[in-house]
Amino acid sequence: MTWVPPLVLLARYVIALAVARHGITYLVCPTQVGRVSEAWRGSSWLLGTTITGKPLKTLTIVLWAIAGVGFIVTGTAIAFTPLLLGSWRPLAIGASSVAVLSFAAFWDGQMALFASQGGIGMLISVVIFINAIVLP
């Protein structure tokens, strides 16, 4: 086994913790749907009127759960990179893709509600996606 400088290990664990924490946020998001619902139009920017109301909320919650678990598993894979070499990339790409899809399915196009409807989480997911593709 090769020697890894302590700072590299610390950085790996901090990144792993941040990615896993992002996943936990996705798992907690369903509890926030009621708070956003007052201003939410009940339709989707991506899906239009194809799926609306309660079925759309259900779809979004399922996608959030998948993304959340995906990010937690990705964080675990990052933390244990020497044992799970290369496994974090496909996990990160998959979880990020589902996260962006969930935002596109839930967001109703109101820019004033971009952040409260998950826009910041979507941007974090895009950063994770890009890092999974670009980093060696």
N, C-alpha and C. Protein backbone atom coordinates (compact mmCIF):
# COMPACT_ATOMS: atom_id res chain seq x y z
N MET A 1 0.85 -1.17 0.00
CA MET A 1 0.00 0.00 0.00
C MET A 1 0.89 1.24 0.00
N THR A 2 0.54 2.21 -0.81
CA THR A 2 1.35 3.41 -0.91
C THR A 2 0.99 4.41 0.18
N TRP A 3 1.95 5.25 0.49
CA TRP A 3 1.75 6.27 1.51
C TRP A 3 1.01 7.44 0.89
N VAL A 4 -0.03 7.92 1.57
CA VAL A 4 -0.80 9.06 1.10
C VAL A 4 -0.64 10.18 2.12
N PRO A 5 -0.26 11.37 1.65
CA PRO A 5 -0.10 12.49 2.59
C PRO A 5 -1.40 12.76 3.35
N PRO A 6 -1.30 13.11 4.64
CA PRO A 6 -2.48 13.33 5.45
C PRO A 6 -3.43 14.40 4.89
N LEU A 7 -2.88 15.43 4.23
CA LEU A 7 -3.73 16.48 3.67
C LEU A 7 -4.60 15.95 2.53
N VAL A 8 -4.05 15.03 1.75
CA VAL A 8 -4.83 14.42 0.66
C VAL A 8 -5.96 13.58 1.24
N LEU A 9 -5.67 12.83 2.28
CA LEU A 9 -6.71 12.04 2.94
C LEU A 9 -7.80 12.94 3.52
N LEU A 10 -7.37 14.01 4.19
CA LEU A 10 -8.33 14.94 4.77
C LEU A 10 -9.21 15.55 3.69
N ALA A 11 -8.61 15.97 2.59
CA ALA A 11 -9.38 16.55 1.48
C ALA A 11 -10.38 15.54 0.93
N ARG A 12 -9.95 14.30 0.77
CA ARG A 12 -10.84 13.25 0.26
C ARG A 12 -12.03 13.05 1.19
N TYR A 13 -11.78 13.01 2.50
CA TYR A 13 -12.86 12.81 3.45
C TYR A 13 -13.81 14.00 3.52
N VAL A 14 -13.26 15.20 3.41
CA VAL A 14 -14.12 16.40 3.42
C VAL A 14 -15.01 16.42 2.19
N ILE A 15 -14.45 16.09 1.04
CA ILE A 15 -15.26 16.04 -0.20
C ILE A 15 -16.30 14.94 -0.10
N ALA A 16 -15.90 13.79 0.41
CA ALA A 16 -16.84 12.68 0.57
C ALA A 16 -17.99 13.07 1.50
N LEU A 17 -17.66 13.74 2.58
CA LEU A 17 -18.68 14.19 3.52
C LEU A 17 -19.62 15.21 2.87
N ALA A 18 -19.07 16.12 2.10
CA ALA A 18 -19.90 17.13 1.42
C ALA A 18 -20.85 16.49 0.42
N VAL A 19 -20.36 15.51 -0.34
CA VAL A 19 -21.21 14.83 -1.33
C VAL A 19 -22.29 14.02 -0.62
N ALA A 20 -21.92 13.31 0.43
CA ALA A 20 -22.91 12.54 1.19
C ALA A 20 -23.94 13.47 1.84
N ARG A 21 -23.50 14.60 2.34
CA ARG A 21 -24.41 15.58 2.95
C ARG A 21 -25.39 16.12 1.92
N HIS A 22 -24.92 16.30 0.70
CA HIS A 22 -25.79 16.72 -0.39
C HIS A 22 -26.88 15.66 -0.62
N GLY A 23 -26.49 14.41 -0.52
CA GLY A 23 -27.47 13.32 -0.64
C GLY A 23 -28.49 13.33 0.48
N ILE A 24 -28.02 13.60 1.69
CA ILE A 24 -28.94 13.67 2.83
C ILE A 24 -29.94 14.80 2.62
N THR A 25 -29.48 15.91 2.05
CA THR A 25 -30.39 17.02 1.74
C THR A 25 -31.49 16.57 0.78
N TYR A 26 -31.13 15.78 -0.21
CA TYR A 26 -32.14 15.27 -1.14
C TYR A 26 -33.15 14.36 -0.44
N LEU A 27 -32.68 13.62 0.54
CA LEU A 27 -33.61 12.76 1.28
C LEU A 27 -34.52 13.56 2.20
N VAL A 28 -34.06 14.74 2.63
CA VAL A 28 -34.87 15.59 3.51
C VAL A 28 -35.82 16.48 2.69
N CYS A 29 -35.53 16.68 1.42
CA CYS A 29 -36.35 17.56 0.57
C CYS A 29 -37.85 17.27 0.60
N PRO A 30 -38.28 16.02 0.61
CA PRO A 30 -39.72 15.77 0.63
C PRO A 30 -40.44 16.43 1.80
N THR A 31 -39.75 16.65 2.89
CA THR A 31 -40.40 17.32 4.03
C THR A 31 -40.60 18.81 3.76
N GLN A 32 -39.91 19.34 2.76
CA GLN A 32 -40.00 20.77 2.43
C GLN A 32 -41.01 21.06 1.33
N VAL A 33 -41.57 20.03 0.69
CA VAL A 33 -42.49 20.23 -0.42
C VAL A 33 -43.70 21.06 0.02
N GLY A 34 -44.21 20.83 1.20
CA GLY A 34 -45.36 21.59 1.67
C GLY A 34 -45.08 23.07 1.80
N ARG A 35 -43.86 23.41 2.19
CA ARG A 35 -43.47 24.80 2.34
C ARG A 35 -43.43 25.52 0.99
N VAL A 36 -43.01 24.83 -0.05
CA VAL A 36 -42.89 25.41 -1.38
C VAL A 36 -44.24 25.40 -2.10
N SER A 37 -45.12 24.51 -1.72
CA SER A 37 -46.38 24.30 -2.44
C SER A 37 -47.26 25.53 -2.54
N GLU A 38 -47.17 26.44 -1.58
CA GLU A 38 -48.04 27.61 -1.60
C GLU A 38 -47.86 28.43 -2.86
N ALA A 39 -46.63 28.61 -3.32
CA ALA A 39 -46.37 29.41 -4.51
C ALA A 39 -46.18 28.55 -5.76
N TRP A 40 -46.10 27.24 -5.58
CA TRP A 40 -45.88 26.33 -6.70
C TRP A 40 -47.13 26.24 -7.55
N ARG A 41 -46.99 26.30 -8.84
CA ARG A 41 -48.13 26.27 -9.77
C ARG A 41 -48.73 24.89 -9.94
N GLY A 42 -48.02 23.86 -9.54
CA GLY A 42 -48.53 22.50 -9.67
C GLY A 42 -48.22 21.87 -11.02
N SER A 43 -47.41 22.56 -11.82
CA SER A 43 -47.01 22.01 -13.11
C SER A 43 -45.49 22.06 -13.21
N SER A 44 -44.97 21.50 -14.27
CA SER A 44 -43.53 21.36 -14.43
C SER A 44 -43.04 22.15 -15.63
N TRP A 45 -41.87 22.76 -15.47
CA TRP A 45 -41.24 23.45 -16.59
C TRP A 45 -40.88 22.44 -17.68
N LEU A 46 -40.43 21.27 -17.31
CA LEU A 46 -40.00 20.25 -18.26
C LEU A 46 -41.17 19.47 -18.85
N LEU A 47 -42.09 19.07 -17.99
CA LEU A 47 -43.18 18.19 -18.42
C LEU A 47 -44.45 18.95 -18.85
N GLY A 48 -44.49 20.24 -18.59
CA GLY A 48 -45.68 21.02 -18.95
C GLY A 48 -46.89 20.53 -18.18
N THR A 49 -47.94 20.21 -18.89
CA THR A 49 -49.17 19.73 -18.25
C THR A 49 -49.32 18.22 -18.37
N THR A 50 -48.27 17.52 -18.79
CA THR A 50 -48.34 16.07 -18.94
C THR A 50 -48.63 15.41 -17.60
N ILE A 51 -47.86 15.78 -16.58
CA ILE A 51 -48.08 15.29 -15.22
C ILE A 51 -48.15 16.54 -14.34
N THR A 52 -49.20 16.66 -13.57
CA THR A 52 -49.35 17.84 -12.71
C THR A 52 -49.83 17.43 -11.32
N GLY A 53 -49.79 18.37 -10.40
CA GLY A 53 -50.33 18.17 -9.07
C GLY A 53 -49.66 17.08 -8.26
N LYS A 54 -50.49 16.28 -7.60
CA LYS A 54 -50.00 15.23 -6.69
C LYS A 54 -49.14 14.18 -7.40
N PRO A 55 -49.51 13.70 -8.61
CA PRO A 55 -48.63 12.73 -9.28
C PRO A 55 -47.23 13.31 -9.57
N LEU A 56 -47.18 14.60 -9.89
CA LEU A 56 -45.89 15.24 -10.13
C LEU A 56 -45.07 15.33 -8.84
N LYS A 57 -45.72 15.65 -7.73
CA LYS A 57 -45.02 15.67 -6.44
C LYS A 57 -44.48 14.29 -6.10
N THR A 58 -45.29 13.26 -6.34
CA THR A 58 -44.86 11.89 -6.06
C THR A 58 -43.66 11.51 -6.92
N LEU A 59 -43.71 11.84 -8.20
CA LEU A 59 -42.59 11.56 -9.10
C LEU A 59 -41.33 12.26 -8.62
N THR A 60 -41.47 13.51 -8.24
CA THR A 60 -40.32 14.28 -7.77
C THR A 60 -39.74 13.69 -6.49
N ILE A 61 -40.59 13.30 -5.57
CA ILE A 61 -40.11 12.71 -4.31
C ILE A 61 -39.35 11.41 -4.58
N VAL A 62 -39.84 10.60 -5.51
CA VAL A 62 -39.13 9.36 -5.86
C VAL A 62 -37.77 9.68 -6.47
N LEU A 63 -37.73 10.67 -7.37
CA LEU A 63 -36.45 11.06 -7.97
C LEU A 63 -35.49 11.62 -6.93
N TRP A 64 -36.02 12.42 -5.98
CA TRP A 64 -35.18 12.95 -4.91
C TRP A 64 -34.60 11.81 -4.06
N ALA A 65 -35.40 10.81 -3.77
CA ALA A 65 -34.91 9.68 -2.97
C ALA A 65 -33.81 8.92 -3.70
N ILE A 66 -33.99 8.71 -4.99
CA ILE A 66 -32.97 8.01 -5.79
C ILE A 66 -31.68 8.83 -5.81
N ALA A 67 -31.80 10.15 -6.05
CA ALA A 67 -30.62 11.01 -6.08
C ALA A 67 -29.95 11.05 -4.72
N GLY A 68 -30.74 11.12 -3.67
CA GLY A 68 -30.18 11.17 -2.31
C GLY A 68 -29.37 9.94 -1.98
N VAL A 69 -29.93 8.79 -2.23
CA VAL A 69 -29.20 7.54 -1.98
C VAL A 69 -27.97 7.46 -2.87
N GLY A 70 -28.12 7.91 -4.11
CA GLY A 70 -26.98 7.91 -5.04
C GLY A 70 -25.82 8.77 -4.56
N PHE A 71 -26.14 9.95 -4.03
CA PHE A 71 -25.07 10.83 -3.53
C PHE A 71 -24.44 10.28 -2.25
N ILE A 72 -25.23 9.65 -1.41
CA ILE A 72 -24.66 9.05 -0.19
C ILE A 72 -23.70 7.92 -0.56
N VAL A 73 -24.10 7.10 -1.51
CA VAL A 73 -23.23 6.01 -1.98
C VAL A 73 -21.99 6.59 -2.67
N THR A 74 -22.17 7.67 -3.43
CA THR A 74 -21.03 8.32 -4.08
C THR A 74 -20.05 8.85 -3.04
N GLY A 75 -20.56 9.50 -1.99
CA GLY A 75 -19.69 9.99 -0.92
C GLY A 75 -18.92 8.86 -0.26
N THR A 76 -19.58 7.74 -0.06
CA THR A 76 -18.91 6.57 0.53
C THR A 76 -17.82 6.06 -0.40
N ALA A 77 -18.11 6.03 -1.69
CA ALA A 77 -17.11 5.56 -2.66
C ALA A 77 -15.92 6.51 -2.72
N ILE A 78 -16.16 7.81 -2.58
CA ILE A 78 -15.05 8.77 -2.57
C ILE A 78 -14.20 8.56 -1.32
N ALA A 79 -14.82 8.35 -0.19
CA ALA A 79 -14.09 8.16 1.07
C ALA A 79 -13.21 6.91 1.01
N PHE A 80 -13.68 5.88 0.34
CA PHE A 80 -12.95 4.62 0.27
C PHE A 80 -12.37 4.39 -1.12
N THR A 81 -11.89 5.45 -1.76
CA THR A 81 -11.37 5.37 -3.12
C THR A 81 -10.32 4.28 -3.33
N PRO A 82 -9.36 4.10 -2.44
CA PRO A 82 -8.37 3.04 -2.69
C PRO A 82 -9.00 1.64 -2.82
N LEU A 83 -10.07 1.42 -2.07
CA LEU A 83 -10.73 0.11 -2.14
C LEU A 83 -11.71 0.02 -3.30
N LEU A 84 -12.34 1.12 -3.62
CA LEU A 84 -13.38 1.15 -4.67
C LEU A 84 -12.92 2.00 -5.85
N LEU A 85 -11.71 1.78 -6.31
CA LEU A 85 -11.08 2.61 -7.31
C LEU A 85 -11.97 2.84 -8.54
N GLY A 86 -12.23 4.08 -8.83
CA GLY A 86 -12.99 4.45 -10.03
C GLY A 86 -14.49 4.31 -9.93
N SER A 87 -15.00 3.79 -8.84
CA SER A 87 -16.45 3.57 -8.76
C SER A 87 -17.23 4.84 -8.48
N TRP A 88 -16.58 5.87 -7.97
CA TRP A 88 -17.31 7.08 -7.62
C TRP A 88 -17.80 7.83 -8.86
N ARG A 89 -17.07 7.74 -9.97
CA ARG A 89 -17.45 8.50 -11.17
C ARG A 89 -18.82 8.10 -11.72
N PRO A 90 -19.05 6.84 -12.03
CA PRO A 90 -20.38 6.49 -12.55
C PRO A 90 -21.49 6.75 -11.53
N LEU A 91 -21.18 6.57 -10.26
CA LEU A 91 -22.17 6.86 -9.22
C LEU A 91 -22.50 8.34 -9.20
N ALA A 92 -21.48 9.18 -9.28
CA ALA A 92 -21.69 10.63 -9.27
C ALA A 92 -22.45 11.09 -10.51
N ILE A 93 -22.11 10.54 -11.65
CA ILE A 93 -22.79 10.92 -12.89
C ILE A 93 -24.26 10.50 -12.83
N GLY A 94 -24.52 9.30 -12.35
CA GLY A 94 -25.91 8.83 -12.24
C GLY A 94 -26.72 9.63 -11.25
N ALA A 95 -26.17 9.86 -10.05
CA ALA A 95 -26.90 10.61 -9.03
C ALA A 95 -27.13 12.05 -9.47
N SER A 96 -26.13 12.66 -10.08
CA SER A 96 -26.27 14.03 -10.55
C SER A 96 -27.31 14.14 -11.66
N SER A 97 -27.31 13.18 -12.55
CA SER A 97 -28.29 13.20 -13.64
C SER A 97 -29.72 13.10 -13.10
N VAL A 98 -29.92 12.21 -12.15
CA VAL A 98 -31.25 12.07 -11.55
C VAL A 98 -31.62 13.34 -10.78
N ALA A 99 -30.65 13.95 -10.11
CA ALA A 99 -30.92 15.18 -9.35
C ALA A 99 -31.34 16.32 -10.27
N VAL A 100 -30.63 16.48 -11.39
CA VAL A 100 -30.98 17.54 -12.34
C VAL A 100 -32.34 17.25 -12.96
N LEU A 101 -32.61 16.01 -13.28
CA LEU A 101 -33.92 15.63 -13.81
C LEU A 101 -35.03 15.92 -12.81
N SER A 102 -34.78 15.65 -11.53
CA SER A 102 -35.79 15.91 -10.51
C SER A 102 -36.08 17.40 -10.40
N PHE A 103 -35.04 18.22 -10.51
CA PHE A 103 -35.27 19.66 -10.47
C PHE A 103 -36.08 20.11 -11.68
N ALA A 104 -35.71 19.62 -12.85
CA ALA A 104 -36.43 19.99 -14.07
C ALA A 104 -37.88 19.53 -14.02
N ALA A 105 -38.13 18.42 -13.35
CA ALA A 105 -39.50 17.92 -13.24
C ALA A 105 -40.32 18.74 -12.24
N PHE A 106 -39.68 19.24 -11.17
CA PHE A 106 -40.41 19.95 -10.12
C PHE A 106 -40.52 21.45 -10.38
N TRP A 107 -39.48 22.06 -10.91
CA TRP A 107 -39.46 23.51 -11.07
C TRP A 107 -40.53 23.95 -12.04
N ASP A 108 -41.29 24.95 -11.66
CA ASP A 108 -42.40 25.41 -12.51
C ASP A 108 -42.06 26.60 -13.38
N GLY A 109 -40.79 26.99 -13.42
CA GLY A 109 -40.36 28.06 -14.31
C GLY A 109 -40.35 29.44 -13.67
N GLN A 110 -40.72 29.55 -12.42
CA GLN A 110 -40.72 30.85 -11.74
C GLN A 110 -39.30 31.15 -11.24
N MET A 111 -38.65 32.11 -11.88
CA MET A 111 -37.28 32.45 -11.49
C MET A 111 -37.21 32.97 -10.06
N ALA A 112 -38.27 33.60 -9.59
CA ALA A 112 -38.28 34.11 -8.21
C ALA A 112 -38.19 32.97 -7.20
N LEU A 113 -38.63 31.77 -7.59
CA LEU A 113 -38.63 30.61 -6.70
C LEU A 113 -37.54 29.60 -7.06
N PHE A 114 -36.58 30.01 -7.90
CA PHE A 114 -35.54 29.11 -8.36
C PHE A 114 -34.81 28.45 -7.19
N ALA A 115 -34.39 29.25 -6.22
CA ALA A 115 -33.63 28.70 -5.08
C ALA A 115 -34.50 27.85 -4.18
N SER A 116 -35.70 28.32 -3.87
CA SER A 116 -36.55 27.58 -2.93
C SER A 116 -37.14 26.31 -3.54
N GLN A 117 -37.14 26.21 -4.85
CA GLN A 117 -37.63 25.00 -5.50
C GLN A 117 -36.51 24.04 -5.87
N GLY A 118 -35.32 24.28 -5.36
CA GLY A 118 -34.22 23.32 -5.54
C GLY A 118 -33.14 23.73 -6.51
N GLY A 119 -33.13 24.96 -6.95
CA GLY A 119 -32.15 25.41 -7.94
C GLY A 119 -30.72 25.34 -7.45
N ILE A 120 -30.49 25.68 -6.19
CA ILE A 120 -29.13 25.64 -5.65
C ILE A 120 -28.62 24.20 -5.58
N GLY A 121 -29.49 23.30 -5.15
CA GLY A 121 -29.11 21.88 -5.12
C GLY A 121 -28.82 21.35 -6.51
N MET A 122 -29.59 21.81 -7.49
CA MET A 122 -29.35 21.39 -8.86
C MET A 122 -28.00 21.89 -9.35
N LEU A 123 -27.65 23.13 -9.00
CA LEU A 123 -26.35 23.67 -9.40
C LEU A 123 -25.19 22.90 -8.75
N ILE A 124 -25.36 22.52 -7.48
CA ILE A 124 -24.35 21.70 -6.80
C ILE A 124 -24.22 20.35 -7.50
N SER A 125 -25.35 19.78 -7.91
CA SER A 125 -25.33 18.50 -8.62
C SER A 125 -24.61 18.63 -9.96
N VAL A 126 -24.79 19.75 -10.64
CA VAL A 126 -24.09 19.98 -11.91
C VAL A 126 -22.58 20.07 -11.67
N VAL A 127 -22.16 20.73 -10.60
CA VAL A 127 -20.74 20.82 -10.26
C VAL A 127 -20.17 19.43 -9.99
N ILE A 128 -20.90 18.60 -9.26
CA ILE A 128 -20.45 17.23 -9.00
C ILE A 128 -20.37 16.45 -10.31
N PHE A 129 -21.35 16.61 -11.19
CA PHE A 129 -21.36 15.94 -12.49
C PHE A 129 -20.12 16.34 -13.30
N ILE A 130 -19.85 17.64 -13.38
CA ILE A 130 -18.69 18.12 -14.15
C ILE A 130 -17.40 17.58 -13.56
N ASN A 131 -17.27 17.59 -12.23
CA ASN A 131 -16.06 17.05 -11.61
C ASN A 131 -15.88 15.57 -11.88
N ALA A 132 -16.98 14.83 -11.94
CA ALA A 132 -16.90 13.40 -12.22
C ALA A 132 -16.39 13.14 -13.64
N ILE A 133 -16.68 14.06 -14.53
CA ILE A 133 -16.24 13.89 -15.92
C ILE A 133 -14.82 14.42 -16.13
N VAL A 134 -14.49 15.54 -15.50
CA VAL A 134 -13.23 16.23 -15.75
C VAL A 134 -12.07 15.70 -14.92
N LEU A 135 -12.29 15.43 -13.64
CA LEU A 135 -11.17 15.05 -12.77
C LEU A 135 -10.61 13.69 -13.14
N PRO A 136 -9.29 13.54 -12.96
CA PRO A 136 -8.67 12.25 -13.29
C PRO A 136 -9.00 11.17 -12.29
